[in-house]
Amino acid sequence: MQPGQCDLNEFELAILLHLCEKHCSLRPFIDHLRVLSREFTGVGSYTKLRSLHSGMELGEQKMMLDTSIYLPSVPSGLGAMLFCKNGVPNILEIYTYGDEHWDGIFDGFQIVCKN
């Protein structure tokens, strides 16, 4: 691994694996993603990714998580979207619903189907 790059955390990985259920073409990339940076906005975060996988391209698309993310500290829940650029995963955006703030701590998270 090159300097400055780190692995996905448990929360990011869980979100991406749920995205794979709907977008199976994403799966080959998961084990080859590295985190270049994480930015926390107070109401969400942006995780900038680098893919070490070269193969099937994803195109320029947005993959919306169609389940809800619940955290004890964020009663309204969170959502997520993966942005692909130049055929590979580029940015994972996580955002709060409602007006709650989120400090980036994901202890006790659950990803569940929306009703």
Protein backbone atom coordinates (compact mmCIF):
# COMPACT_ATOMS: atom_id res chain seq x y z
CA MET A 1 0.00 0.00 0.00
CA GLN A 2 1.31 3.44 -0.87
CA PRO A 3 1.83 6.09 1.84
CA GLY A 4 -1.28 8.08 2.76
CA GLN A 5 -3.70 5.36 1.74
CA CYS A 6 -5.66 3.29 4.21
CA ASP A 7 -8.26 0.59 4.22
CA LEU A 8 -12.00 1.06 4.36
CA ASN A 9 -13.39 1.05 7.87
CA GLU A 10 -16.09 -1.40 9.00
CA PHE A 11 -18.88 1.13 8.39
CA GLU A 12 -17.79 2.08 4.86
CA LEU A 13 -17.28 -1.57 3.95
CA ALA A 14 -20.77 -2.52 5.19
CA ILE A 15 -22.33 0.25 3.09
CA LEU A 16 -20.41 -0.79 -0.02
CA LEU A 17 -21.33 -4.45 0.45
CA HIS A 18 -25.01 -3.47 0.67
CA LEU A 19 -24.61 -1.49 -2.55
CA CYS A 20 -23.24 -4.67 -4.17
CA GLU A 21 -26.58 -6.39 -3.60
CA LYS A 22 -28.19 -4.08 -6.17
CA HIS A 23 -25.10 -3.25 -8.23
CA CYS A 24 -23.26 -6.57 -8.65
CA SER A 25 -20.72 -4.97 -11.02
CA LEU A 26 -19.32 -3.12 -7.98
CA ARG A 27 -18.26 -6.31 -6.16
CA PRO A 28 -14.89 -6.88 -7.94
CA PHE A 29 -13.74 -3.43 -6.80
CA ILE A 30 -14.43 -3.80 -3.07
CA ASP A 31 -11.26 -5.67 -2.08
CA HIS A 32 -9.14 -3.26 -4.12
CA LEU A 33 -10.33 0.08 -2.75
CA ARG A 34 -8.10 2.36 -0.70
CA VAL A 35 -9.13 5.47 1.19
CA LEU A 36 -7.32 8.62 0.09
CA SER A 37 -9.15 10.97 2.48
CA ARG A 38 -12.15 11.35 4.77
CA GLU A 39 -13.92 14.67 5.26
CA PHE A 40 -16.57 15.08 7.96
CA THR A 41 -19.03 17.93 7.43
CA GLY A 42 -21.06 17.74 10.65
CA VAL A 43 -24.06 16.31 8.80
CA GLY A 44 -22.22 13.63 6.84
CA SER A 45 -18.93 12.66 5.31
CA TYR A 46 -17.09 12.22 2.03
CA THR A 47 -14.67 9.32 1.66
CA LYS A 48 -12.44 9.75 -1.37
CA LEU A 49 -11.45 6.39 -2.83
CA ARG A 50 -8.76 4.99 -5.09
CA SER A 51 -9.35 1.74 -6.91
CA LEU A 52 -6.47 -0.63 -7.52
CA HIS A 53 -8.76 -2.81 -9.66
CA SER A 54 -8.63 -2.50 -13.39
CA GLY A 55 -11.22 -4.46 -15.19
CA MET A 56 -14.90 -4.00 -15.80
CA GLU A 57 -15.79 -0.32 -15.75
CA LEU A 58 -18.71 1.12 -13.83
CA GLY A 59 -19.03 4.20 -16.01
CA GLU A 60 -20.10 7.57 -14.64
CA GLN A 61 -22.91 6.67 -12.28
CA LYS A 62 -24.32 7.27 -8.82
CA MET A 63 -25.29 4.28 -6.71
CA MET A 64 -27.86 5.13 -4.04
CA LEU A 65 -28.13 2.95 -0.95
CA ASP A 66 -31.75 1.79 -0.89
CA THR A 67 -31.68 0.80 2.79
CA SER A 68 -31.54 2.95 5.91
CA ILE A 69 -28.60 3.32 8.24
CA TYR A 70 -29.49 3.66 11.91
CA LEU A 71 -27.18 4.95 14.60
CA PRO A 72 -28.12 5.52 18.25
CA SER A 73 -26.72 9.07 18.01
CA VAL A 74 -28.67 9.98 14.83
CA PRO A 75 -32.39 9.26 15.39
CA SER A 76 -33.47 10.22 11.84
CA GLY A 77 -30.89 7.87 10.31
CA LEU A 78 -28.38 8.23 7.51
CA GLY A 79 -28.24 7.57 3.80
CA ALA A 80 -25.35 6.95 1.43
CA MET A 81 -24.42 7.32 -2.21
CA LEU A 82 -21.39 6.12 -4.17
CA PHE A 83 -20.16 8.26 -7.04
CA CYS A 84 -18.21 6.55 -9.82
CA LYS A 85 -15.84 8.51 -12.03
CA ASN A 86 -13.77 7.31 -14.97
CA GLY A 87 -15.26 3.84 -14.53
CA VAL A 88 -14.28 3.27 -10.88
CA PRO A 89 -15.65 4.10 -7.40
CA ASN A 90 -14.55 7.63 -6.53
CA ILE A 91 -16.43 9.12 -3.56
CA LEU A 92 -18.66 7.56 -0.90
CA GLU A 93 -21.01 10.19 0.52
CA ILE A 94 -22.80 9.51 3.81
CA TYR A 95 -25.43 12.01 4.96
CA THR A 96 -27.95 12.48 7.74
CA TYR A 97 -31.69 12.69 7.31
CA GLY A 98 -33.36 15.42 9.31
CA ASP A 99 -31.29 18.08 11.03
CA GLU A 100 -29.16 15.93 13.35
CA HIS A 101 -25.43 16.33 13.35
CA TRP A 102 -23.12 13.36 12.96
CA ASP A 103 -19.54 13.38 14.22
CA GLY A 104 -18.39 10.37 12.20
CA ILE A 105 -18.67 7.86 15.04
CA PHE A 106 -20.49 4.77 13.78
CA ASP A 107 -20.68 2.61 16.92
CA GLY A 108 -23.84 0.52 16.99
CA PHE A 109 -24.80 1.09 13.35
CA GLN A 110 -27.40 -1.07 11.64
CA ILE A 111 -28.26 -1.15 7.96
CA VAL A 112 -31.88 -2.21 7.47
CA CYS A 113 -34.41 -2.34 4.64
CA LYS A 114 -36.74 0.63 4.31
CA ASN A 115 -40.41 -0.10 4.83
